[in-house]
Amino acid sequence: MVELSLSRVHNAIKIDLYTLTVVNLLLSLQILVTITYTVLTGVTVPGFRYALIPFIWLNVAAWAVLRAAPTTRGIKHRAAAFGSAATYFLLILYLSGLLRPSSTALEQVTGAAGFGITWRSLGWGPTLLYSGEWASLVLIPYQVIGYLALAYLLYVAVLDITNSAFGGIVGLAPCPGCAAPVFTSMIAGIAGTSSAFVLLITYQYELATVLFVTAIALLSRR
């Protein structure tokens, strides 16, 4: 019994060491990529918290997607789940302001081609821009990948039909925080100098990150 317990402890330590090694390698690689990107593009990082937020989203999204285990279903069920996830993804893009009606201001940036790119700190950029006749897109990398992860988790939840409604509701959690920039002017006009609203506007991305991580955790455990 003692030998068996020692063996389990030894195996647990080996797993933890392996996990720590992988995590350290990934973090080192991300730091290296960030430094290389910054040097090559010459962009400036607004601050540590803004540099950190994209990596929280990206790492959490990757963790959740890799852990997800879709239930085996028939093709009709998978098609319905995919349709739900795709609709949900577009809805989040719209609510977050990444997808919007055609914008004259964006047309001036993208030009006649309709496509453009802006170089910002890694994760926030490179931001892909599109301006068409009917709609425009501002694709901020970390947000798009995060929303794709949420859509995939919703797809998994719909396959497990008993939890699909719960998954859809929880997945909407990040939207108020991410959509806050769209309503900043309106909120400021209504609230004046209210400290609560000032804090909301100042820390909108941090709030969105907390909500995103919460939504991912609940959808993963649903």
Protein backbone atom coordinates (compact mmCIF):
# COMPACT_ATOMS: atom_id res chain seq x y z
CA MET A 1 0.00 0.00 0.00
CA VAL A 2 2.85 2.36 0.90
CA GLU A 3 4.66 1.59 -2.36
CA LEU A 4 1.43 2.17 -4.31
CA SER A 5 0.90 5.55 -2.62
CA LEU A 6 4.50 6.56 -3.29
CA SER A 7 4.08 5.55 -6.93
CA ARG A 8 1.00 7.75 -7.26
CA VAL A 9 2.81 10.69 -5.67
CA HIS A 10 5.76 10.15 -7.98
CA ASN A 11 3.50 10.07 -11.04
CA ALA A 12 1.69 13.21 -9.89
CA ILE A 13 5.00 15.03 -9.46
CA LYS A 14 6.09 13.91 -12.96
CA ILE A 15 2.84 15.22 -14.44
CA ASP A 16 3.18 18.54 -12.62
CA LEU A 17 6.79 18.93 -13.74
CA TYR A 18 5.77 18.15 -17.32
CA THR A 19 2.94 20.69 -17.15
CA LEU A 20 5.19 23.35 -15.65
CA THR A 21 7.82 22.70 -18.32
CA VAL A 22 5.28 23.03 -21.13
CA VAL A 23 3.79 26.19 -19.62
CA ASN A 24 7.24 27.76 -19.19
CA LEU A 25 8.19 26.92 -22.77
CA LEU A 26 4.95 28.41 -24.10
CA LEU A 27 5.37 31.58 -22.04
CA SER A 28 8.98 31.93 -23.16
CA LEU A 29 7.94 31.46 -26.78
CA GLN A 30 5.19 34.08 -26.43
CA ILE A 31 7.61 36.58 -24.90
CA LEU A 32 10.09 35.92 -27.72
CA VAL A 33 7.40 36.35 -30.39
CA THR A 34 6.19 39.56 -28.73
CA ILE A 35 9.69 41.06 -28.61
CA THR A 36 10.38 40.06 -32.23
CA TYR A 37 7.05 41.48 -33.42
CA THR A 38 7.62 44.75 -31.53
CA VAL A 39 11.11 45.18 -32.95
CA LEU A 40 10.09 44.39 -36.54
CA THR A 41 6.97 46.58 -36.57
CA GLY A 42 8.23 49.38 -34.34
CA VAL A 43 4.88 49.62 -32.54
CA THR A 44 4.73 50.93 -28.99
CA VAL A 45 2.96 49.06 -26.19
CA PRO A 46 0.50 51.39 -24.37
CA GLY A 47 1.09 49.66 -21.04
CA PHE A 48 1.66 46.33 -19.35
CA ARG A 49 -2.03 45.54 -18.79
CA TYR A 50 -2.87 46.18 -22.43
CA ALA A 51 -0.01 43.93 -23.50
CA LEU A 52 -1.16 41.20 -21.10
CA ILE A 53 -4.90 41.13 -21.92
CA PRO A 54 -4.59 39.53 -25.41
CA PHE A 55 -2.43 36.72 -24.06
CA ILE A 56 -4.93 35.94 -21.31
CA TRP A 57 -7.66 35.60 -23.94
CA LEU A 58 -5.50 33.55 -26.31
CA ASN A 59 -4.17 31.15 -23.67
CA VAL A 60 -7.55 30.62 -22.04
CA ALA A 61 -9.18 30.08 -25.45
CA ALA A 62 -6.53 27.53 -26.46
CA TRP A 63 -6.85 25.71 -23.12
CA ALA A 64 -10.64 25.46 -23.43
CA VAL A 65 -10.67 24.30 -27.05
CA LEU A 66 -8.01 21.63 -26.45
CA ARG A 67 -9.95 20.30 -23.45
CA ALA A 68 -13.33 20.25 -25.21
CA ALA A 69 -14.63 16.81 -26.12
CA PRO A 70 -17.53 16.98 -28.61
CA THR A 71 -20.20 14.31 -28.27
CA THR A 72 -20.51 12.00 -31.26
CA ARG A 73 -23.72 12.87 -33.11
CA GLY A 74 -25.32 12.40 -36.52
CA ILE A 75 -24.69 14.75 -39.42
CA LYS A 76 -28.04 16.59 -38.96
CA HIS A 77 -27.29 17.26 -35.33
CA ARG A 78 -23.77 18.46 -36.19
CA ALA A 79 -25.16 20.73 -38.91
CA ALA A 80 -27.64 22.26 -36.46
CA ALA A 81 -24.87 22.75 -33.90
CA PHE A 82 -22.62 24.37 -36.50
CA GLY A 83 -25.41 26.69 -37.64
CA SER A 84 -26.07 27.73 -34.04
CA ALA A 85 -22.38 28.36 -33.39
CA ALA A 86 -21.92 30.35 -36.63
CA THR A 87 -24.95 32.52 -35.91
CA TYR A 88 -23.75 33.02 -32.35
CA PHE A 89 -20.27 34.01 -33.56
CA LEU A 90 -21.69 36.65 -35.93
CA LEU A 91 -23.96 37.93 -33.15
CA ILE A 92 -21.00 38.39 -30.81
CA LEU A 93 -19.02 40.16 -33.55
CA TYR A 94 -21.95 42.54 -34.01
CA LEU A 95 -22.55 43.16 -30.29
CA SER A 96 -18.84 43.77 -29.69
CA GLY A 97 -18.66 46.29 -32.54
CA LEU A 98 -16.24 44.31 -34.69
CA LEU A 99 -18.96 43.80 -37.29
CA ARG A 100 -20.97 46.89 -38.15
CA PRO A 101 -22.77 48.62 -41.00
CA SER A 102 -20.57 50.10 -43.72
CA SER A 103 -18.53 52.98 -42.27
CA THR A 104 -17.40 56.07 -44.17
CA ALA A 105 -14.54 56.57 -41.73
CA LEU A 106 -13.32 53.03 -42.34
CA GLU A 107 -13.58 53.50 -46.10
CA GLN A 108 -11.08 56.34 -45.84
CA VAL A 109 -8.61 53.99 -44.16
CA THR A 110 -9.10 50.95 -46.41
CA GLY A 111 -9.32 52.89 -49.66
CA ALA A 112 -10.83 51.64 -52.89
CA ALA A 113 -9.61 48.08 -52.30
CA GLY A 114 -11.83 47.78 -49.26
CA PHE A 115 -9.11 46.05 -47.22
CA GLY A 116 -6.58 47.50 -44.83
CA ILE A 117 -4.30 46.64 -41.95
CA THR A 118 -3.11 48.55 -38.91
CA TRP A 119 -0.08 47.60 -36.86
CA ARG A 120 -0.67 47.68 -33.13
CA SER A 121 0.90 45.81 -30.22
CA LEU A 122 0.74 42.04 -30.62
CA GLY A 123 -2.73 40.63 -29.98
CA TRP A 124 -4.37 43.98 -30.64
CA GLY A 125 -2.72 43.88 -34.02
CA PRO A 126 -2.15 43.34 -36.78
CA THR A 127 -5.77 44.49 -37.05
CA LEU A 128 -7.44 43.56 -40.31
CA LEU A 129 -9.96 46.05 -41.71
CA TYR A 130 -12.63 45.57 -44.32
CA SER A 131 -15.14 48.06 -45.62
CA GLY A 132 -17.79 46.86 -48.04
CA GLU A 133 -21.00 48.22 -49.46
CA TRP A 134 -23.15 46.73 -46.72
CA ALA A 135 -20.87 45.98 -43.79
CA SER A 136 -17.45 46.65 -42.33
CA LEU A 137 -15.18 44.53 -40.18
CA VAL A 138 -12.49 45.40 -37.65
CA LEU A 139 -10.81 42.13 -36.77
CA ILE A 140 -8.78 42.48 -33.57
CA PRO A 141 -6.88 39.15 -33.39
CA TYR A 142 -7.28 38.24 -29.72
CA GLN A 143 -10.99 39.07 -29.64
CA VAL A 144 -11.77 37.17 -32.83
CA ILE A 145 -9.92 34.08 -31.59
CA GLY A 146 -11.63 34.36 -28.20
CA TYR A 147 -15.07 34.57 -29.82
CA LEU A 148 -14.25 31.63 -32.08
CA ALA A 149 -13.40 29.64 -28.95
CA LEU A 150 -16.74 30.60 -27.39
CA ALA A 151 -18.56 29.63 -30.59
CA TYR A 152 -16.78 26.27 -30.62
CA LEU A 153 -17.71 25.63 -27.01
CA LEU A 154 -21.30 26.49 -27.87
CA TYR A 155 -21.07 23.99 -30.74
CA VAL A 156 -19.95 21.35 -28.24
CA ALA A 157 -22.74 22.38 -25.87
CA VAL A 158 -25.39 22.09 -28.59
CA LEU A 159 -24.16 18.59 -29.39
CA ASP A 160 -24.76 17.88 -25.74
CA ILE A 161 -28.30 19.17 -26.19
CA THR A 162 -29.26 19.16 -22.51
CA ASN A 163 -26.92 22.05 -21.83
CA SER A 164 -27.19 24.04 -25.05
CA ALA A 165 -29.47 26.78 -23.69
CA PHE A 166 -27.26 27.29 -20.65
CA GLY A 167 -24.18 27.46 -22.87
CA GLY A 168 -25.70 30.12 -25.11
CA ILE A 169 -26.71 32.33 -22.19
CA VAL A 170 -23.36 32.06 -20.42
CA GLY A 171 -21.44 32.67 -23.64
CA LEU A 172 -23.05 36.09 -24.01
CA ALA A 173 -21.34 37.23 -20.80
CA PRO A 174 -18.30 38.92 -22.42
CA CYS A 175 -20.39 41.04 -24.78
CA PRO A 176 -21.33 43.91 -22.43
CA GLY A 177 -17.69 44.45 -21.53
CA CYS A 178 -16.44 44.20 -25.11
CA ALA A 179 -19.22 46.35 -26.47
CA ALA A 180 -18.53 49.06 -23.89
CA PRO A 181 -16.34 51.14 -26.28
CA VAL A 182 -19.32 51.45 -28.64
CA PHE A 183 -21.44 53.00 -25.89
CA THR A 184 -18.69 55.05 -24.23
CA SER A 185 -19.92 58.41 -25.53
CA MET A 186 -23.54 57.63 -24.67
CA ILE A 187 -22.62 56.42 -21.17
CA ALA A 188 -20.44 59.47 -20.55
CA GLY A 189 -23.25 61.80 -21.66
CA ILE A 190 -25.78 60.17 -19.37
CA ALA A 191 -23.59 59.53 -16.37
CA GLY A 192 -21.54 62.72 -16.36
CA THR A 193 -18.65 62.23 -13.97
CA SER A 194 -20.18 59.36 -12.03
CA SER A 195 -17.25 57.43 -10.58
CA ALA A 196 -18.88 54.06 -11.30
CA PHE A 197 -19.22 54.82 -15.00
CA VAL A 198 -15.75 56.34 -15.15
CA LEU A 199 -14.37 53.11 -13.73
CA LEU A 200 -16.43 51.08 -16.21
CA ILE A 201 -15.03 53.04 -19.14
CA THR A 202 -11.47 53.07 -17.77
CA TYR A 203 -11.36 49.33 -17.08
CA GLN A 204 -13.69 48.11 -19.81
CA TYR A 205 -11.13 45.72 -21.30
CA GLU A 206 -10.22 44.30 -17.91
CA LEU A 207 -13.91 43.76 -17.18
CA ALA A 208 -14.37 42.12 -20.57
CA THR A 209 -11.44 39.81 -19.80
CA VAL A 210 -12.91 38.75 -16.46
CA LEU A 211 -16.27 38.05 -18.10
CA PHE A 212 -14.60 36.18 -20.96
CA VAL A 213 -12.63 33.92 -18.63
CA THR A 214 -15.77 33.31 -16.55
CA ALA A 215 -17.80 32.42 -19.65
CA ILE A 216 -15.08 30.08 -20.91
CA ALA A 217 -14.84 28.36 -17.52
CA LEU A 218 -18.60 27.86 -17.20
CA LEU A 219 -19.02 26.72 -20.80
CA SER A 220 -16.15 24.27 -20.37
CA ARG A 221 -17.66 22.80 -17.22
CA ARG A 222 -21.36 23.45 -18.18
